[in-house]
C-alpha atoms as a PDB file:
ATOM      1  CA  UNK A   1     -29.706  -4.722 -18.680  1.00  0.00           C
ATOM      2  CA  UNK A   2     -29.742  -1.127 -17.407  1.00  0.00           C
ATOM      3  CA  UNK A   3     -30.274  -2.381 -13.853  1.00  0.00           C
ATOM      4  CA  UNK A   4     -27.238  -4.671 -14.121  1.00  0.00           C
ATOM      5  CA  UNK A   5     -25.131  -1.699 -15.259  1.00  0.00           C
ATOM      6  CA  UNK A   6     -26.348   0.389 -12.332  1.00  0.00           C
ATOM      7  CA  UNK A   7     -25.555  -2.404  -9.852  1.00  0.00           C
ATOM      8  CA  UNK A   8     -22.098  -2.857 -11.372  1.00  0.00           C
ATOM      9  CA  UNK A   9     -21.447   0.886 -11.103  1.00  0.00           C
ATOM     10  CA  UNK A  10     -22.451   0.925  -7.429  1.00  0.00           C
ATOM     11  CA  UNK A  11     -20.228  -2.060  -6.662  1.00  0.00           C
ATOM     12  CA  UNK A  12     -17.263  -0.478  -8.459  1.00  0.00           C
ATOM     13  CA  UNK A  13     -17.730   2.757  -6.535  1.00  0.00           C
ATOM     14  CA  UNK A  14     -17.857   0.867  -3.230  1.00  0.00           C
ATOM     15  CA  UNK A  15     -14.646  -0.917  -4.145  1.00  0.00           C
ATOM     16  CA  UNK A  16     -12.918   2.284  -5.310  1.00  0.00           C
ATOM     17  CA  UNK A  17     -14.066   4.385  -2.341  1.00  0.00           C
ATOM     18  CA  UNK A  18     -13.435   1.868   0.412  1.00  0.00           C
ATOM     19  CA  UNK A  19     -12.665   4.655   2.907  1.00  0.00           C
ATOM     20  CA  UNK A  20     -16.322   5.723   2.634  1.00  0.00           C
ATOM     21  CA  UNK A  21     -18.082   2.380   2.308  1.00  0.00           C
ATOM     22  CA  UNK A  22     -15.853   0.363   4.659  1.00  0.00           C
ATOM     23  CA  UNK A  23     -13.961   2.876   6.771  1.00  0.00           C
ATOM     24  CA  UNK A  24     -12.906   0.282   9.358  1.00  0.00           C
ATOM     25  CA  UNK A  25     -11.260  -2.085   6.884  1.00  0.00           C
ATOM     26  CA  UNK A  26      -7.478  -2.709   6.967  1.00  0.00           C
ATOM     27  CA  UNK A  27      -7.147  -1.013   3.582  1.00  0.00           C
ATOM     28  CA  UNK A  28      -8.867   2.136   4.871  1.00  0.00           C
ATOM     29  CA  UNK A  29      -6.452   2.110   7.791  1.00  0.00           C
ATOM     30  CA  UNK A  30      -3.538   2.040   5.348  1.00  0.00           C
ATOM     31  CA  UNK A  31      -4.867   5.187   3.667  1.00  0.00           C
ATOM     32  CA  UNK A  32      -4.956   6.860   7.065  1.00  0.00           C
ATOM     33  CA  UNK A  33      -1.357   5.750   7.579  1.00  0.00           C
ATOM     34  CA  UNK A  34      -0.388   7.401   4.298  1.00  0.00           C
ATOM     35  CA  UNK A  35      -2.201  10.550   5.452  1.00  0.00           C
ATOM     36  CA  UNK A  36      -0.178  10.550   8.678  1.00  0.00           C
ATOM     37  CA  UNK A  37       3.089  10.008   6.795  1.00  0.00           C
ATOM     38  CA  UNK A  38       2.311  12.971   4.538  1.00  0.00           C
ATOM     39  CA  UNK A  39       1.662  15.159   7.565  1.00  0.00           C
ATOM     40  CA  UNK A  40       4.887  14.052   9.273  1.00  0.00           C
ATOM     41  CA  UNK A  41       6.876  14.695   6.098  1.00  0.00           C
ATOM     42  CA  UNK A  42       6.375  18.437   6.474  1.00  0.00           C
ATOM     43  CA  UNK A  43       5.560  19.270  10.102  1.00  0.00           C
ATOM     44  CA  UNK A  44       6.817  22.863   9.979  1.00  0.00           C
ATOM     45  CA  UNK A  45       5.075  23.750   6.711  1.00  0.00           C
ATOM     46  CA  UNK A  46       1.821  21.863   6.305  1.00  0.00           C
ATOM     47  CA  UNK A  47       1.206  20.633   2.758  1.00  0.00           C
ATOM     48  CA  UNK A  48      -1.664  22.523   1.137  1.00  0.00           C
ATOM     49  CA  UNK A  49      -1.275  21.179  -2.413  1.00  0.00           C
ATOM     50  CA  UNK A  50      -0.544  17.548  -3.247  1.00  0.00           C
ATOM     51  CA  UNK A  51      -0.188  15.699  -6.523  1.00  0.00           C
ATOM     52  CA  UNK A  52      -0.653  11.948  -6.962  1.00  0.00           C
ATOM     53  CA  UNK A  53       0.817  10.317 -10.039  1.00  0.00           C
ATOM     54  CA  UNK A  54       2.297   7.046 -11.322  1.00  0.00           C
ATOM     55  CA  UNK A  55       4.866   5.889 -13.848  1.00  0.00           C
ATOM     56  CA  UNK A  56       2.361   4.310 -16.189  1.00  0.00           C
ATOM     57  CA  UNK A  57      -1.368   3.593 -16.488  1.00  0.00           C
ATOM     58  CA  UNK A  58      -3.288   1.035 -14.466  1.00  0.00           C
ATOM     59  CA  UNK A  59      -1.254   1.283 -11.260  1.00  0.00           C
ATOM     60  CA  UNK A  60      -4.090   2.406  -8.980  1.00  0.00           C
ATOM     61  CA  UNK A  61      -3.293   6.116  -8.977  1.00  0.00           C
ATOM     62  CA  UNK A  62      -6.869   7.363  -9.263  1.00  0.00           C
ATOM     63  CA  UNK A  63      -8.201   4.995  -6.590  1.00  0.00           C
ATOM     64  CA  UNK A  64      -5.385   6.089  -4.283  1.00  0.00           C
ATOM     65  CA  UNK A  65      -5.966   9.799  -4.796  1.00  0.00           C
ATOM     66  CA  UNK A  66      -9.738   9.503  -4.250  1.00  0.00           C
ATOM     67  CA  UNK A  67      -9.349   7.616  -0.977  1.00  0.00           C
ATOM     68  CA  UNK A  68      -6.625   9.954   0.248  1.00  0.00           C
ATOM     69  CA  UNK A  69      -8.939  12.885  -0.376  1.00  0.00           C
ATOM     70  CA  UNK A  70     -11.630  11.131   1.670  1.00  0.00           C
ATOM     71  CA  UNK A  71      -9.420  10.415   4.696  1.00  0.00           C
ATOM     72  CA  UNK A  72      -8.115  13.985   4.784  1.00  0.00           C
ATOM     73  CA  UNK A  73     -11.714  15.229   4.674  1.00  0.00           C
ATOM     74  CA  UNK A  74     -12.661  12.792   7.440  1.00  0.00           C
ATOM     75  CA  UNK A  75      -9.967  14.454   9.546  1.00  0.00           C
ATOM     76  CA  UNK A  76     -11.830  17.739   9.248  1.00  0.00           C
ATOM     77  CA  UNK A  77      -9.857  19.412   6.472  1.00  0.00           C
ATOM     78  CA  UNK A  78     -11.717  21.166   3.683  1.00  0.00           C
ATOM     79  CA  UNK A  79     -10.427  19.230   0.669  1.00  0.00           C
ATOM     80  CA  UNK A  80     -10.714  19.841  -3.063  1.00  0.00           C
ATOM     81  CA  UNK A  81      -9.977  16.824  -5.278  1.00  0.00           C
ATOM     82  CA  UNK A  82      -9.125  17.943  -8.811  1.00  0.00           C
ATOM     83  CA  UNK A  83      -9.027  15.690 -11.847  1.00  0.00           C
ATOM     84  CA  UNK A  84      -6.074  17.126 -13.756  1.00  0.00           C
ATOM     85  CA  UNK A  85      -5.892  14.133 -16.078  1.00  0.00           C
ATOM     86  CA  UNK A  86      -7.385  15.965 -19.027  1.00  0.00           C
ATOM     87  CA  UNK A  87      -6.608  13.139 -21.412  1.00  0.00           C
ATOM     88  CA  UNK A  88      -8.259  10.169 -19.642  1.00  0.00           C
ATOM     89  CA  UNK A  89     -10.279  11.592 -16.733  1.00  0.00           C
ATOM     90  CA  UNK A  90     -11.825   9.150 -14.240  1.00  0.00           C
ATOM     91  CA  UNK A  91     -12.714  11.096 -11.080  1.00  0.00           C
ATOM     92  CA  UNK A  92     -16.247  11.814 -12.315  1.00  0.00           C
ATOM     93  CA  UNK A  93     -16.851   8.072 -12.688  1.00  0.00           C
ATOM     94  CA  UNK A  94     -15.627   7.385  -9.159  1.00  0.00           C
ATOM     95  CA  UNK A  95     -18.006   9.924  -7.632  1.00  0.00           C
ATOM     96  CA  UNK A  96     -20.891   9.471 -10.105  1.00  0.00           C
ATOM     97  CA  UNK A  97     -20.716  13.008 -11.476  1.00  0.00           C
ATOM     98  CA  UNK A  98     -21.232  14.338 -14.968  1.00  0.00           C
ATOM     99  CA  UNK A  99     -18.188  15.854 -16.638  1.00  0.00           C
ATOM    100  CA  UNK A 100     -19.779  18.568 -18.753  1.00  0.00           C
ATOM    101  CA  UNK A 101     -17.934  21.311 -16.870  1.00  0.00           C
ATOM    102  CA  UNK A 102     -14.777  21.140 -14.779  1.00  0.00           C
ATOM    103  CA  UNK A 103     -11.175  22.298 -14.570  1.00  0.00           C
ATOM    104  CA  UNK A 104     -10.863  23.087 -18.274  1.00  0.00           C
ATOM    105  CA  UNK A 105     -14.076  25.122 -18.118  1.00  0.00           C
ATOM    106  CA  UNK A 106     -12.701  27.195 -15.231  1.00  0.00           C
ATOM    107  CA  UNK A 107      -9.296  27.753 -16.845  1.00  0.00           C
ATOM    108  CA  UNK A 108     -10.907  28.919 -20.096  1.00  0.00           C
ATOM    109  CA  UNK A 109     -13.275  31.157 -18.102  1.00  0.00           C
ATOM    110  CA  UNK A 110     -16.453  29.480 -19.340  1.00  0.00           C
ATOM    111  CA  UNK A 111     -17.683  29.040 -15.755  1.00  0.00           C
ATOM    112  CA  UNK A 112     -16.579  30.230 -12.320  1.00  0.00           C
ATOM    113  CA  UNK A 113     -14.928  28.029  -9.721  1.00  0.00           C
ATOM    114  CA  UNK A 114     -18.100  28.081  -7.632  1.00  0.00           C
ATOM    115  CA  UNK A 115     -20.136  26.844 -10.584  1.00  0.00           C
ATOM    116  CA  UNK A 116     -17.740  23.995 -11.406  1.00  0.00           C
ATOM    117  CA  UNK A 117     -16.941  22.570  -7.949  1.00  0.00           C
ATOM    118  CA  UNK A 118     -19.279  19.827  -6.708  1.00  0.00           C
ATOM    119  CA  UNK A 119     -19.959  18.665  -3.173  1.00  0.00           C
ATOM    120  CA  UNK A 120     -19.682  14.964  -2.349  1.00  0.00           C
ATOM    121  CA  UNK A 121     -21.372  12.559   0.049  1.00  0.00           C
ATOM    122  CA  UNK A 122     -18.398  13.008   2.367  1.00  0.00           C
ATOM    123  CA  UNK A 123     -18.434  16.133   4.540  1.00  0.00           C
ATOM    124  CA  UNK A 124     -15.601  18.572   3.710  1.00  0.00           C
ATOM    125  CA  UNK A 125     -14.762  16.823   0.422  1.00  0.00           C
ATOM    126  CA  UNK A 126     -15.366  18.732  -2.798  1.00  0.00           C
ATOM    127  CA  UNK A 127     -14.621  17.603  -6.339  1.00  0.00           C
ATOM    128  CA  UNK A 128     -13.610  19.414  -9.501  1.00  0.00           C
ATOM    129  CA  UNK A 129     -13.841  17.084 -12.484  1.00  0.00           C
ATOM    130  CA  UNK A 130     -11.611  17.584 -15.524  1.00  0.00           C
ATOM    131  CA  UNK A 131     -14.293  19.024 -17.797  1.00  0.00           C
ATOM    132  CA  UNK A 132     -14.236  18.677 -21.590  1.00  0.00           C
ATOM    133  CA  UNK A 133     -10.971  17.288 -22.951  1.00  0.00           C
ATOM    134  CA  UNK A 134      -8.950  20.177 -24.449  1.00  0.00           C
ATOM    135  CA  UNK A 135      -6.616  19.989 -27.460  1.00  0.00           C
ATOM    136  CA  UNK A 136      -3.688  21.370 -25.422  1.00  0.00           C
ATOM    137  CA  UNK A 137      -3.650  19.990 -21.846  1.00  0.00           C
ATOM    138  CA  UNK A 138       0.034  20.745 -21.140  1.00  0.00           C
ATOM    139  CA  UNK A 139      -0.252  24.339 -22.328  1.00  0.00           C
ATOM    140  CA  UNK A 140      -3.393  24.826 -20.250  1.00  0.00           C
ATOM    141  CA  UNK A 141      -1.703  23.518 -17.096  1.00  0.00           C
ATOM    142  CA  UNK A 142       1.292  25.812 -17.574  1.00  0.00           C
ATOM    143  CA  UNK A 143      -0.807  28.882 -18.396  1.00  0.00           C
ATOM    144  CA  UNK A 144      -1.211  32.065 -16.387  1.00  0.00           C
ATOM    145  CA  UNK A 145      -4.836  31.029 -15.872  1.00  0.00           C
ATOM    146  CA  UNK A 146      -3.597  27.941 -13.992  1.00  0.00           C
ATOM    147  CA  UNK A 147      -1.306  30.072 -11.829  1.00  0.00           C
ATOM    148  CA  UNK A 148      -4.267  32.280 -10.925  1.00  0.00           C
ATOM    149  CA  UNK A 149      -6.400  29.189 -10.306  1.00  0.00           C
ATOM    150  CA  UNK A 150      -3.882  28.007  -7.688  1.00  0.00           C
ATOM    151  CA  UNK A 151      -4.138  31.306  -5.872  1.00  0.00           C
ATOM    152  CA  UNK A 152      -7.940  31.247  -5.959  1.00  0.00           C
ATOM    153  CA  UNK A 153      -8.462  27.701  -4.636  1.00  0.00           C
ATOM    154  CA  UNK A 154      -5.990  28.148  -1.774  1.00  0.00           C
ATOM    155  CA  UNK A 155      -8.292  30.813  -0.347  1.00  0.00           C
ATOM    156  CA  UNK A 156     -11.182  28.358  -0.003  1.00  0.00           C
ATOM    157  CA  UNK A 157      -9.617  24.974   0.767  1.00  0.00           C
ATOM    158  CA  UNK A 158      -7.168  23.575   3.316  1.00  0.00           C
ATOM    159  CA  UNK A 159      -5.856  20.946   0.914  1.00  0.00           C
ATOM    160  CA  UNK A 160      -5.916  20.633  -2.866  1.00  0.00           C
ATOM    161  CA  UNK A 161      -5.187  17.169  -4.282  1.00  0.00           C
ATOM    162  CA  UNK A 162      -4.530  16.601  -7.985  1.00  0.00           C
ATOM    163  CA  UNK A 163      -5.035  13.380  -9.903  1.00  0.00           C
ATOM    164  CA  UNK A 164      -2.607  13.640 -12.830  1.00  0.00           C
ATOM    165  CA  UNK A 165      -1.668  11.578 -15.893  1.00  0.00           C
ATOM    166  CA  UNK A 166       1.217   9.090 -15.572  1.00  0.00           C
ATOM    167  CA  UNK A 167       4.675  10.686 -15.560  1.00  0.00           C
ATOM    168  CA  UNK A 168       6.145   8.636 -18.392  1.00  0.00           C
ATOM    169  CA  UNK A 169       3.209   9.192 -20.737  1.00  0.00           C
ATOM    170  CA  UNK A 170       2.997  12.992 -21.053  1.00  0.00           C
ATOM    171  CA  UNK A 171       4.525  16.136 -19.524  1.00  0.00           C
ATOM    172  CA  UNK A 172       1.376  17.217 -17.636  1.00  0.00           C
ATOM    173  CA  UNK A 173       2.409  15.688 -14.300  1.00  0.00           C
ATOM    174  CA  UNK A 174       5.848  17.329 -14.428  1.00  0.00           C
ATOM    175  CA  UNK A 175       4.232  20.729 -14.901  1.00  0.00           C
ATOM    176  CA  UNK A 176       2.026  20.245 -11.850  1.00  0.00           C
ATOM    177  CA  UNK A 177       4.853  18.746  -9.784  1.00  0.00           C
ATOM    178  CA  UNK A 178       6.634  22.077 -10.056  1.00  0.00           C
ATOM    179  CA  UNK A 179       3.547  23.901  -8.760  1.00  0.00           C
ATOM    180  CA  UNK A 180       2.494  21.533  -5.942  1.00  0.00           C
ATOM    181  CA  UNK A 181       4.099  21.391  -2.515  1.00  0.00           C
ATOM    182  CA  UNK A 182       4.350  17.606  -2.590  1.00  0.00           C
ATOM    183  CA  UNK A 183       4.050  14.575  -4.864  1.00  0.00           C
ATOM    184  CA  UNK A 184       3.127  10.952  -4.187  1.00  0.00           C
ATOM    185  CA  UNK A 185       4.203   8.291  -6.659  1.00  0.00           C
ATOM    186  CA  UNK A 186       1.988   5.198  -6.888  1.00  0.00           C
ATOM    187  CA  UNK A 187       3.636   1.955  -7.993  1.00  0.00           C
ATOM    188  CA  UNK A 188       1.965  -1.388  -8.536  1.00  0.00           C
ATOM    189  CA  UNK A 189       3.539  -4.447  -6.900  1.00  0.00           C
ATOM    190  CA  UNK A 190       4.755  -6.923  -9.493  1.00  0.00           C
ATOM    191  CA  UNK A 191       3.853  -4.609 -12.375  1.00  0.00           C
ATOM    192  CA  UNK A 192       5.841  -1.384 -12.186  1.00  0.00           C
ATOM    193  CA  UNK A 193       9.400  -2.020 -13.370  1.00  0.00           C
ATOM    194  CA  UNK A 194      12.352  -0.622 -11.444  1.00  0.00           C
ATOM    195  CA  UNK A 195      13.670   1.425 -14.349  1.00  0.00           C
ATOM    196  CA  UNK A 196      10.253   3.069 -14.732  1.00  0.00           C
ATOM    197  CA  UNK A 197      10.352   4.156 -11.083  1.00  0.00           C
ATOM    198  CA  UNK A 198      13.899   5.503 -11.468  1.00  0.00           C
ATOM    199  CA  UNK A 199      12.926   7.411 -14.613  1.00  0.00           C
ATOM    200  CA  UNK A 200       9.866   8.851 -12.868  1.00  0.00           C
ATOM    201  CA  UNK A 201      12.025  10.052  -9.972  1.00  0.00           C
ATOM    202  CA  UNK A 202      14.410  11.706 -12.444  1.00  0.00           C
ATOM    203  CA  UNK A 203      11.531  13.517 -14.163  1.00  0.00           C
ATOM    204  CA  UNK A 204      10.241  14.797 -10.823  1.00  0.00           C
ATOM    205  CA  UNK A 205      13.738  15.970  -9.878  1.00  0.00           C
ATOM    206  CA  UNK A 206      14.122  17.747 -13.223  1.00  0.00           C
ATOM    207  CA  UNK A 207      10.790  19.491 -12.623  1.00  0.00           C
ATOM    208  CA  UNK A 208      11.984  20.484  -9.130  1.00  0.00           C
ATOM    209  CA  UNK A 209       9.067  18.585  -7.633  1.00  0.00           C
ATOM    210  CA  UNK A 210       9.140  17.437  -4.020  1.00  0.00           C
ATOM    211  CA  UNK A 211       8.615  13.668  -3.779  1.00  0.00           C
ATOM    212  CA  UNK A 212       7.054  12.997  -0.377  1.00  0.00           C
ATOM    213  CA  UNK A 213       7.002   9.234  -0.792  1.00  0.00           C
ATOM    214  CA  UNK A 214       5.954   6.169  -2.736  1.00  0.00           C
ATOM    215  CA  UNK A 215       2.718   4.202  -2.342  1.00  0.00           C
ATOM    216  CA  UNK A 216       3.085   0.469  -2.995  1.00  0.00           C
ATOM    217  CA  UNK A 217      -0.220  -0.702  -4.376  1.00  0.00           C
ATOM    218  CA  UNK A 218      -1.693  -4.188  -4.952  1.00  0.00           C
ATOM    219  CA  UNK A 219       0.680  -5.942  -2.569  1.00  0.00           C
ATOM    220  CA  UNK A 220      -1.081  -9.067  -1.365  1.00  0.00           C
ATOM    221  CA  UNK A 221      -0.199  -9.982   2.195  1.00  0.00           C
ATOM    222  CA  UNK A 222       0.171 -13.565   3.324  1.00  0.00           C
ATOM    223  CA  UNK A 223      -2.759 -15.158   5.178  1.00  0.00           C
ATOM    224  CA  UNK A 224      -5.227 -12.496   4.080  1.00  0.00           C
ATOM    225  CA  UNK A 225      -7.390 -11.629   1.115  1.00  0.00           C
ATOM    226  CA  UNK A 226      -6.768  -7.905   1.515  1.00  0.00           C
ATOM    227  CA  UNK A 227      -4.503  -5.936  -0.783  1.00  0.00           C
ATOM    228  CA  UNK A 228      -2.650  -3.407   1.306  1.00  0.00           C
ATOM    229  CA  UNK A 229      -1.644   0.107   0.329  1.00  0.00           C
ATOM    230  CA  UNK A 230       1.575   1.354   1.878  1.00  0.00           C
ATOM    231  CA  UNK A 231       3.036   4.827   2.167  1.00  0.00           C
ATOM    232  CA  UNK A 232       6.798   5.195   2.471  1.00  0.00           C
ATOM    233  CA  UNK A 233       8.836   8.298   3.125  1.00  0.00           C
END
């Protein structure tokens, strides 16, 4: 039984991190296209902090953010992927890490950044899991400790990418949108309703966040079994 669980976990990780396990696949190429679009969106001022969010749960946000972090690292950038979804964290599952310490531990000064950040199997890609779930995620993200955290990580990494909770669920993503230099909104083909997308855009505008583009996820192309991921300016 334990062996079956281990095999299932490995297969899920291979599926979620396709840019590592199948870097030549059409889907991996789409992630590289999104990377290029992000870079072209701000040629004069290169994006050093990026947030990936969605309107609601189950739209592929966490898979998208993990693979984007990989392709930026494969380009030679020193990348830190941060799980800022302190309510339902998933990044530690994707990379097979424990979640005993992480972002919350750093913000509450229980451990240092060096102690909390983990290396990954991909060169140049580092991961900061969410850590223990706090009682006040929104307050923690808007704290002075978070502002100092931003300053600290920018000294060590070329790009910081945040995985955040869905926009329409809680205020956490709006708080980070105001702090990050760019935001990507992930929508699921055939699932995300138009009014949800419009509302999400309004929330980002109200937070003075910069929407770099939308990623259309789970769009099945004709004459292929692949589900493509698109980036649009």
